[in-house]
Amino acid sequence: TPLGSSPVLLLPQDWAIGLLYVKVAFRLLLLPAMQGHPWRALVLEALEAGLPRHHRRVLSRDVLVPLLWTLARLLAVPYALISCVLPRLP
């Protein structure tokens, strides 16, 4: 985009692509090759029982928190390297 204009955000399109990613991730997780994956049992339990209140807590504690922590580290490490280490190099 040119410098003076604002970007165009297509929220319905972004939601549709996000939903597609979630569906693909769930289907990949349910493949027989993923039998030993620790999240598989949680996802299968949530799909069978629905999402009552305690399942939301378990899923957020066992799935969402580790996932968000990993994503935060993936963003924080390069930022820390660029902002702290790179300026000190000669």
PDB file of N, CA and C in Angstrom:
ATOM      1  N   THR A   1       0.841  -1.180   0.000  1.00  0.00           N
ATOM      2  CA  THR A   1       0.000   0.000   0.000  1.00  0.00           C
ATOM      3  C   THR A   1       0.885   1.242   0.000  1.00  0.00           C
ATOM      4  N   PRO A   2       0.429   2.283  -0.618  1.00  0.00           N
ATOM      5  CA  PRO A   2       1.177   3.544  -0.549  1.00  0.00           C
ATOM      6  C   PRO A   2       1.242   4.059   0.884  1.00  0.00           C
ATOM      7  N   LEU A   3       2.196   4.931   1.145  1.00  0.00           N
ATOM      8  CA  LEU A   3       2.433   5.372   2.522  1.00  0.00           C
ATOM      9  C   LEU A   3       1.272   6.139   3.128  1.00  0.00           C
ATOM     10  N   GLY A   4       0.533   6.886   2.355  1.00  0.00           N
ATOM     11  CA  GLY A   4      -0.531   7.715   2.906  1.00  0.00           C
ATOM     12  C   GLY A   4      -1.859   7.012   3.065  1.00  0.00           C
ATOM     13  N   SER A   5      -2.019   5.813   2.589  1.00  0.00           N
ATOM     14  CA  SER A   5      -3.323   5.159   2.650  1.00  0.00           C
ATOM     15  C   SER A   5      -3.327   4.060   3.721  1.00  0.00           C
ATOM     16  N   SER A   6      -4.525   3.723   4.153  1.00  0.00           N
ATOM     17  CA  SER A   6      -4.650   2.671   5.166  1.00  0.00           C
ATOM     18  C   SER A   6      -4.881   1.334   4.469  1.00  0.00           C
ATOM     19  N   PRO A   7      -4.448   0.250   5.091  1.00  0.00           N
ATOM     20  CA  PRO A   7      -4.639  -1.058   4.463  1.00  0.00           C
ATOM     21  C   PRO A   7      -6.108  -1.487   4.496  1.00  0.00           C
ATOM     22  N   VAL A   8      -6.493  -2.275   3.540  1.00  0.00           N
ATOM     23  CA  VAL A   8      -7.850  -2.801   3.484  1.00  0.00           C
ATOM     24  C   VAL A   8      -7.873  -4.122   4.250  1.00  0.00           C
ATOM     25  N   LEU A   9      -8.737  -4.197   5.255  1.00  0.00           N
ATOM     26  CA  LEU A   9      -8.863  -5.412   6.049  1.00  0.00           C
ATOM     27  C   LEU A   9     -10.148  -6.127   5.655  1.00  0.00           C
ATOM     28  N   LEU A  10     -10.017  -7.352   5.245  1.00  0.00           N
ATOM     29  CA  LEU A  10     -11.164  -8.156   4.863  1.00  0.00           C
ATOM     30  C   LEU A  10     -11.422  -9.192   5.952  1.00  0.00           C
ATOM     31  N   LEU A  11     -12.130  -8.781   7.002  1.00  0.00           N
ATOM     32  CA  LEU A  11     -12.320  -9.642   8.161  1.00  0.00           C
ATOM     33  C   LEU A  11     -13.081 -10.931   7.845  1.00  0.00           C
ATOM     34  N   PRO A  12     -14.156 -10.902   7.051  1.00  0.00           N
ATOM     35  CA  PRO A  12     -14.812 -12.185   6.752  1.00  0.00           C
ATOM     36  C   PRO A  12     -13.889 -13.161   6.025  1.00  0.00           C
ATOM     37  N   GLN A  13     -13.058 -12.644   5.137  1.00  0.00           N
ATOM     38  CA  GLN A  13     -12.122 -13.502   4.427  1.00  0.00           C
ATOM     39  C   GLN A  13     -11.070 -14.059   5.392  1.00  0.00           C
ATOM     40  N   ASP A  14     -10.584 -13.241   6.304  1.00  0.00           N
ATOM     41  CA  ASP A  14      -9.615 -13.710   7.296  1.00  0.00           C
ATOM     42  C   ASP A  14     -10.219 -14.781   8.204  1.00  0.00           C
ATOM     43  N   TRP A  15     -11.475 -14.587   8.621  1.00  0.00           N
ATOM     44  CA  TRP A  15     -12.135 -15.587   9.450  1.00  0.00           C
ATOM     45  C   TRP A  15     -12.314 -16.892   8.684  1.00  0.00           C
ATOM     46  N   ALA A  16     -12.683 -16.804   7.411  1.00  0.00           N
ATOM     47  CA  ALA A  16     -12.882 -18.019   6.614  1.00  0.00           C
ATOM     48  C   ALA A  16     -11.573 -18.788   6.461  1.00  0.00           C
ATOM     49  N   ILE A  17     -10.492 -18.088   6.216  1.00  0.00           N
ATOM     50  CA  ILE A  17      -9.188 -18.752   6.086  1.00  0.00           C
ATOM     51  C   ILE A  17      -8.763 -19.352   7.423  1.00  0.00           C
ATOM     52  N   GLY A  18      -9.002 -18.655   8.523  1.00  0.00           N
ATOM     53  CA  GLY A  18      -8.697 -19.195   9.845  1.00  0.00           C
ATOM     54  C   GLY A  18      -9.513 -20.436  10.155  1.00  0.00           C
ATOM     55  N   LEU A  19     -10.793 -20.419   9.792  1.00  0.00           N
ATOM     56  CA  LEU A  19     -11.629 -21.585   9.993  1.00  0.00           C
ATOM     57  C   LEU A  19     -11.140 -22.765   9.159  1.00  0.00           C
ATOM     58  N   LEU A  20     -10.714 -22.488   7.941  1.00  0.00           N
ATOM     59  CA  LEU A  20     -10.160 -23.537   7.091  1.00  0.00           C
ATOM     60  C   LEU A  20      -8.900 -24.134   7.709  1.00  0.00           C
ATOM     61  N   TYR A  21      -8.027 -23.287   8.257  1.00  0.00           N
ATOM     62  CA  TYR A  21      -6.816 -23.777   8.922  1.00  0.00           C
ATOM     63  C   TYR A  21      -7.161 -24.666  10.115  1.00  0.00           C
ATOM     64  N   VAL A  22      -8.151 -24.265  10.901  1.00  0.00           N
ATOM     65  CA  VAL A  22      -8.539 -25.056  12.067  1.00  0.00           C
ATOM     66  C   VAL A  22      -9.092 -26.411  11.630  1.00  0.00           C
ATOM     67  N   LYS A  23      -9.913 -26.411  10.584  1.00  0.00           N
ATOM     68  CA  LYS A  23     -10.474 -27.676  10.102  1.00  0.00           C
ATOM     69  C   LYS A  23      -9.376 -28.604   9.583  1.00  0.00           C
ATOM     70  N   VAL A  24      -8.431 -28.054   8.853  1.00  0.00           N
ATOM     71  CA  VAL A  24      -7.326 -28.869   8.336  1.00  0.00           C
ATOM     72  C   VAL A  24      -6.483 -29.403   9.489  1.00  0.00           C
ATOM     73  N   ALA A  25      -6.211 -28.565  10.491  1.00  0.00           N
ATOM     74  CA  ALA A  25      -5.415 -29.018  11.636  1.00  0.00           C
ATOM     75  C   ALA A  25      -6.136 -30.136  12.393  1.00  0.00           C
ATOM     76  N   PHE A  26      -7.448 -30.013  12.596  1.00  0.00           N
ATOM     77  CA  PHE A  26      -8.189 -31.070  13.277  1.00  0.00           C
ATOM     78  C   PHE A  26      -8.183 -32.355  12.475  1.00  0.00           C
ATOM     79  N   ARG A  27      -8.364 -32.254  11.164  1.00  0.00           N
ATOM     80  CA  ARG A  27      -8.351 -33.462  10.329  1.00  0.00           C
ATOM     81  C   ARG A  27      -6.976 -34.123  10.351  1.00  0.00           C
ATOM     82  N   LEU A  28      -5.918 -33.332  10.316  1.00  0.00           N
ATOM     83  CA  LEU A  28      -4.577 -33.905  10.394  1.00  0.00           C
ATOM     84  C   LEU A  28      -4.336 -34.563  11.748  1.00  0.00           C
ATOM     85  N   LEU A  29      -4.870 -33.961  12.790  1.00  0.00           N
ATOM     86  CA  LEU A  29      -4.699 -34.513  14.125  1.00  0.00           C
ATOM     87  C   LEU A  29      -5.470 -35.817  14.291  1.00  0.00           C
ATOM     88  N   LEU A  30      -6.548 -35.984  13.545  1.00  0.00           N
ATOM     89  CA  LEU A  30      -7.361 -37.189  13.661  1.00  0.00           C
ATOM     90  C   LEU A  30      -6.899 -38.307  12.738  1.00  0.00           C
ATOM     91  N   LEU A  31      -5.865 -38.082  11.949  1.00  0.00           N
ATOM     92  CA  LEU A  31      -5.337 -39.141  11.085  1.00  0.00           C
ATOM     93  C   LEU A  31      -4.753 -40.274  11.930  1.00  0.00           C
ATOM     94  N   PRO A  32      -4.798 -41.508  11.414  1.00  0.00           N
ATOM     95  CA  PRO A  32      -4.236 -42.632  12.181  1.00  0.00           C
ATOM     96  C   PRO A  32      -2.734 -42.486  12.456  1.00  0.00           C
ATOM     97  N   ALA A  33      -2.019 -41.763  11.624  1.00  0.00           N
ATOM     98  CA  ALA A  33      -0.579 -41.592  11.841  1.00  0.00           C
ATOM     99  C   ALA A  33      -0.284 -40.761  13.089  1.00  0.00           C
ATOM    100  N   MET A  34      -1.265 -40.034  13.589  1.00  0.00           N
ATOM    101  CA  MET A  34      -1.074 -39.180  14.768  1.00  0.00           C
ATOM    102  C   MET A  34      -1.576 -39.864  16.043  1.00  0.00           C
ATOM    103  N   GLN A  35      -1.573 -41.183  16.078  1.00  0.00           N
ATOM    104  CA  GLN A  35      -2.094 -41.940  17.216  1.00  0.00           C
ATOM    105  C   GLN A  35      -1.443 -41.537  18.530  1.00  0.00           C
ATOM    106  N   GLY A  36      -0.160 -41.316  18.573  1.00  0.00           N
ATOM    107  CA  GLY A  36       0.532 -41.059  19.823  1.00  0.00           C
ATOM    108  C   GLY A  36       0.596 -39.602  20.221  1.00  0.00           C
ATOM    109  N   HIS A  37       0.007 -38.709  19.454  1.00  0.00           N
ATOM    110  CA  HIS A  37       0.100 -37.281  19.756  1.00  0.00           C
ATOM    111  C   HIS A  37      -0.705 -36.960  21.014  1.00  0.00           C
ATOM    112  N   PRO A  38      -0.128 -36.177  21.936  1.00  0.00           N
ATOM    113  CA  PRO A  38      -0.824 -35.921  23.208  1.00  0.00           C
ATOM    114  C   PRO A  38      -2.108 -35.109  23.056  1.00  0.00           C
ATOM    115  N   TRP A  39      -2.228 -34.295  22.041  1.00  0.00           N
ATOM    116  CA  TRP A  39      -3.427 -33.487  21.874  1.00  0.00           C
ATOM    117  C   TRP A  39      -4.570 -34.284  21.266  1.00  0.00           C
ATOM    118  N   ARG A  40      -4.250 -35.414  20.643  1.00  0.00           N
ATOM    119  CA  ARG A  40      -5.284 -36.208  19.980  1.00  0.00           C
ATOM    120  C   ARG A  40      -6.352 -36.670  20.971  1.00  0.00           C
ATOM    121  N   ALA A  41      -5.926 -37.170  22.119  1.00  0.00           N
ATOM    122  CA  ALA A  41      -6.889 -37.635  23.128  1.00  0.00           C
ATOM    123  C   ALA A  41      -7.761 -36.482  23.620  1.00  0.00           C
ATOM    124  N   LEU A  42      -7.169 -35.313  23.817  1.00  0.00           N
ATOM    125  CA  LEU A  42      -7.955 -34.159  24.268  1.00  0.00           C
ATOM    126  C   LEU A  42      -8.980 -33.737  23.225  1.00  0.00           C
ATOM    127  N   VAL A  43      -8.570 -33.713  21.961  1.00  0.00           N
ATOM    128  CA  VAL A  43      -9.485 -33.301  20.895  1.00  0.00           C
ATOM    129  C   VAL A  43     -10.605 -34.328  20.740  1.00  0.00           C
ATOM    130  N   LEU A  44     -10.270 -35.615  20.781  1.00  0.00           N
ATOM    131  CA  LEU A  44     -11.303 -36.643  20.661  1.00  0.00           C
ATOM    132  C   LEU A  44     -12.285 -36.584  21.834  1.00  0.00           C
ATOM    133  N   GLU A  45     -11.776 -36.370  23.020  1.00  0.00           N
ATOM    134  CA  GLU A  45     -12.655 -36.252  24.187  1.00  0.00           C
ATOM    135  C   GLU A  45     -13.577 -35.042  24.058  1.00  0.00           C
ATOM    136  N   ALA A  46     -13.045 -33.932  23.589  1.00  0.00           N
ATOM    137  CA  ALA A  46     -13.853 -32.719  23.421  1.00  0.00           C
ATOM    138  C   ALA A  46     -14.895 -32.911  22.322  1.00  0.00           C
ATOM    139  N   LEU A  47     -14.539 -33.611  21.251  1.00  0.00           N
ATOM    140  CA  LEU A  47     -15.497 -33.844  20.176  1.00  0.00           C
ATOM    141  C   LEU A  47     -16.608 -34.794  20.603  1.00  0.00           C
ATOM    142  N   GLU A  48     -16.289 -35.778  21.419  1.00  0.00           N
ATOM    143  CA  GLU A  48     -17.297 -36.740  21.861  1.00  0.00           C
ATOM    144  C   GLU A  48     -18.222 -36.165  22.921  1.00  0.00           C
ATOM    145  N   ALA A  49     -17.680 -35.419  23.853  1.00  0.00           N
ATOM    146  CA  ALA A  49     -18.473 -34.937  24.987  1.00  0.00           C
ATOM    147  C   ALA A  49     -19.024 -33.536  24.782  1.00  0.00           C
ATOM    148  N   GLY A  50     -18.638 -32.865  23.711  1.00  0.00           N
ATOM    149  CA  GLY A  50     -19.013 -31.469  23.554  1.00  0.00           C
ATOM    150  C   GLY A  50     -18.034 -30.601  24.319  1.00  0.00           C
ATOM    151  N   LEU A  51     -18.396 -29.360  24.530  1.00  0.00           N
ATOM    152  CA  LEU A  51     -17.494 -28.456  25.243  1.00  0.00           C
ATOM    153  C   LEU A  51     -18.150 -27.877  26.487  1.00  0.00           C
ATOM    154  N   PRO A  52     -18.411 -28.719  27.503  1.00  0.00           N
ATOM    155  CA  PRO A  52     -18.889 -28.139  28.756  1.00  0.00           C
ATOM    156  C   PRO A  52     -17.790 -27.310  29.421  1.00  0.00           C
ATOM    157  N   ARG A  53     -18.124 -26.730  30.520  1.00  0.00           N
ATOM    158  CA  ARG A  53     -17.225 -25.780  31.173  1.00  0.00           C
ATOM    159  C   ARG A  53     -15.860 -26.380  31.534  1.00  0.00           C
ATOM    160  N   HIS A  54     -15.816 -27.578  32.081  1.00  0.00           N
ATOM    161  CA  HIS A  54     -14.531 -28.139  32.494  1.00  0.00           C
ATOM    162  C   HIS A  54     -13.683 -28.532  31.296  1.00  0.00           C
ATOM    163  N   HIS A  55     -14.302 -28.878  30.173  1.00  0.00           N
ATOM    164  CA  HIS A  55     -13.510 -29.208  28.993  1.00  0.00           C
ATOM    165  C   HIS A  55     -12.821 -27.969  28.425  1.00  0.00           C
ATOM    166  N   ARG A  56     -13.481 -26.825  28.529  1.00  0.00           N
ATOM    167  CA  ARG A  56     -12.850 -25.589  28.057  1.00  0.00           C
ATOM    168  C   ARG A  56     -11.604 -25.275  28.877  1.00  0.00           C
ATOM    169  N   ARG A  57     -11.689 -25.491  30.163  1.00  0.00           N
ATOM    170  CA  ARG A  57     -10.525 -25.234  31.013  1.00  0.00           C
ATOM    171  C   ARG A  57      -9.388 -26.192  30.689  1.00  0.00           C
ATOM    172  N   VAL A  58      -9.719 -27.458  30.512  1.00  0.00           N
ATOM    173  CA  VAL A  58      -8.691 -28.456  30.198  1.00  0.00           C
ATOM    174  C   VAL A  58      -8.059 -28.156  28.846  1.00  0.00           C
ATOM    175  N   LEU A  59      -8.889 -27.850  27.850  1.00  0.00           N
ATOM    176  CA  LEU A  59      -8.348 -27.551  26.526  1.00  0.00           C
ATOM    177  C   LEU A  59      -7.499 -26.285  26.548  1.00  0.00           C
ATOM    178  N   SER A  60      -7.945 -25.278  27.275  1.00  0.00           N
ATOM    179  CA  SER A  60      -7.148 -24.049  27.306  1.00  0.00           C
ATOM    180  C   SER A  60      -5.838 -24.277  28.055  1.00  0.00           C
ATOM    181  N   ARG A  61      -5.864 -25.070  29.126  1.00  0.00           N
ATOM    182  CA  ARG A  61      -4.645 -25.314  29.893  1.00  0.00           C
ATOM    183  C   ARG A  61      -3.676 -26.234  29.147  1.00  0.00           C
ATOM    184  N   ASP A  62      -4.199 -27.264  28.507  1.00  0.00           N
ATOM    185  CA  ASP A  62      -3.330 -28.272  27.893  1.00  0.00           C
ATOM    186  C   ASP A  62      -3.019 -28.018  26.431  1.00  0.00           C
ATOM    187  N   VAL A  63      -3.821 -27.206  25.751  1.00  0.00           N
ATOM    188  CA  VAL A  63      -3.601 -26.980  24.321  1.00  0.00           C
ATOM    189  C   VAL A  63      -3.294 -25.516  24.025  1.00  0.00           C
ATOM    190  N   LEU A  64      -4.173 -24.611  24.427  1.00  0.00           N
ATOM    191  CA  LEU A  64      -4.015 -23.220  24.037  1.00  0.00           C
ATOM    192  C   LEU A  64      -2.823 -22.537  24.700  1.00  0.00           C
ATOM    193  N   VAL A  65      -2.636 -22.767  25.979  1.00  0.00           N
ATOM    194  CA  VAL A  65      -1.522 -22.111  26.676  1.00  0.00           C
ATOM    195  C   VAL A  65      -0.164 -22.552  26.116  1.00  0.00           C
ATOM    196  N   PRO A  66       0.089 -23.863  25.925  1.00  0.00           N
ATOM    197  CA  PRO A  66       1.370 -24.227  25.313  1.00  0.00           C
ATOM    198  C   PRO A  66       1.533 -23.705  23.893  1.00  0.00           C
ATOM    199  N   LEU A  67       0.433 -23.685  23.133  1.00  0.00           N
ATOM    200  CA  LEU A  67       0.508 -23.177  21.768  1.00  0.00           C
ATOM    201  C   LEU A  67       0.823 -21.687  21.754  1.00  0.00           C
ATOM    202  N   LEU A  68       0.136 -20.918  22.570  1.00  0.00           N
ATOM    203  CA  LEU A  68       0.397 -19.475  22.625  1.00  0.00           C
ATOM    204  C   LEU A  68       1.783 -19.181  23.189  1.00  0.00           C
ATOM    205  N   TRP A  69       2.242 -19.965  24.153  1.00  0.00           N
ATOM    206  CA  TRP A  69       3.583 -19.792  24.710  1.00  0.00           C
ATOM    207  C   TRP A  69       4.641 -20.030  23.642  1.00  0.00           C
ATOM    208  N   THR A  70       4.448 -21.065  22.829  1.00  0.00           N
ATOM    209  CA  THR A  70       5.390 -21.352  21.752  1.00  0.00           C
ATOM    210  C   THR A  70       5.391 -20.235  20.725  1.00  0.00           C
ATOM    211  N   LEU A  71       4.208 -19.751  20.350  1.00  0.00           N
ATOM    212  CA  LEU A  71       4.136 -18.650  19.385  1.00  0.00           C
ATOM    213  C   LEU A  71       4.771 -17.379  19.947  1.00  0.00           C
ATOM    214  N   ALA A  72       4.569 -17.119  21.230  1.00  0.00           N
ATOM    215  CA  ALA A  72       5.189 -15.939  21.846  1.00  0.00           C
ATOM    216  C   ALA A  72       6.707 -16.049  21.836  1.00  0.00           C
ATOM    217  N   ARG A  73       7.224 -17.244  22.124  1.00  0.00           N
ATOM    218  CA  ARG A  73       8.681 -17.417  22.077  1.00  0.00           C
ATOM    219  C   ARG A  73       9.212 -17.268  20.656  1.00  0.00           C
ATOM    220  N   LEU A  74       8.461 -17.771  19.689  1.00  0.00           N
ATOM    221  CA  LEU A  74       8.899 -17.634  18.296  1.00  0.00           C
ATOM    222  C   LEU A  74       8.958 -16.182  17.860  1.00  0.00           C
ATOM    223  N   LEU A  75       8.126 -15.344  18.438  1.00  0.00           N
ATOM    224  CA  LEU A  75       8.168 -13.917  18.127  1.00  0.00           C
ATOM    225  C   LEU A  75       9.186 -13.171  18.979  1.00  0.00           C
ATOM    226  N   ALA A  76       9.341 -13.581  20.232  1.00  0.00           N
ATOM    227  CA  ALA A  76      10.183 -12.835  21.165  1.00  0.00           C
ATOM    228  C   ALA A  76      11.666 -13.042  20.914  1.00  0.00           C
ATOM    229  N   VAL A  77      12.080 -14.244  20.553  1.00  0.00           N
ATOM    230  CA  VAL A  77      13.512 -14.512  20.380  1.00  0.00           C
ATOM    231  C   VAL A  77      14.102 -13.691  19.235  1.00  0.00           C
ATOM    232  N   PRO A  78      13.509 -13.677  18.038  1.00  0.00           N
ATOM    233  CA  PRO A  78      14.088 -12.823  16.990  1.00  0.00           C
ATOM    234  C   PRO A  78      14.036 -11.337  17.342  1.00  0.00           C
ATOM    235  N   TYR A  79      12.965 -10.903  18.004  1.00  0.00           N
ATOM    236  CA  TYR A  79      12.887  -9.499  18.397  1.00  0.00           C
ATOM    237  C   TYR A  79      13.990  -9.153  19.381  1.00  0.00           C
ATOM    238  N   ALA A  80      14.218 -10.028  20.362  1.00  0.00           N
ATOM    239  CA  ALA A  80      15.273  -9.771  21.342  1.00  0.00           C
ATOM    240  C   ALA A  80      16.638  -9.755  20.676  1.00  0.00           C
ATOM    241  N   LEU A  81      16.874 -10.650  19.742  1.00  0.00           N
ATOM    242  CA  LEU A  81      18.156 -10.662  19.034  1.00  0.00           C
ATOM    243  C   LEU A  81      18.367  -9.380  18.242  1.00  0.00           C
ATOM    244  N   ILE A  82      17.334  -8.942  17.560  1.00  0.00           N
ATOM    245  CA  ILE A  82      17.473  -7.753  16.727  1.00  0.00           C
ATOM    246  C   ILE A  82      17.599  -6.488  17.581  1.00  0.00           C
ATOM    247  N   SER A  83      16.805  -6.394  18.640  1.00  0.00           N
ATOM    248  CA  SER A  83      16.813  -5.153  19.415  1.00  0.00           C
ATOM    249  C   SER A  83      17.936  -5.089  20.449  1.00  0.00           C
ATOM    250  N   CYS A  84      18.431  -6.197  20.931  1.00  0.00           N
ATOM    251  CA  CYS A  84      19.449  -6.182  21.982  1.00  0.00           C
ATOM    252  C   CYS A  84      20.851  -6.522  21.472  1.00  0.00           C
ATOM    253  N   VAL A  85      20.950  -7.529  20.665  1.00  0.00           N
ATOM    254  CA  VAL A  85      22.266  -8.014  20.244  1.00  0.00           C
ATOM    255  C   VAL A  85      22.789  -7.248  19.042  1.00  0.00           C
ATOM    256  N   LEU A  86      21.942  -7.035  18.051  1.00  0.00           N
ATOM    257  CA  LEU A  86      22.383  -6.413  16.809  1.00  0.00           C
ATOM    258  C   LEU A  86      22.949  -4.992  17.000  1.00  0.00           C
ATOM    259  N   PRO A  87      22.360  -4.140  17.846  1.00  0.00           N
ATOM    260  CA  PRO A  87      22.953  -2.809  18.034  1.00  0.00           C
ATOM    261  C   PRO A  87      24.330  -2.838  18.691  1.00  0.00           C
ATOM    262  N   ARG A  88      24.664  -3.884  19.412  1.00  0.00           N
ATOM    263  CA  ARG A  88      25.948  -3.949  20.108  1.00  0.00           C
ATOM    264  C   ARG A  88      27.068  -4.488  19.234  1.00  0.00           C
ATOM    265  N   LEU A  89      26.706  -5.023  18.074  1.00  0.00           N
ATOM    266  CA  LEU A  89      27.739  -5.518  17.156  1.00  0.00           C
ATOM    267  C   LEU A  89      28.468  -4.330  16.526  1.00  0.00           C
ATOM    268  N   PRO A  90      29.779  -4.496  16.266  1.00  0.00           N
ATOM    269  CA  PRO A  90      30.524  -3.355  15.700  1.00  0.00           C
ATOM    270  C   PRO A  90      30.139  -3.077  14.257  1.00  0.00           C
TER     271      PRO A  90
END
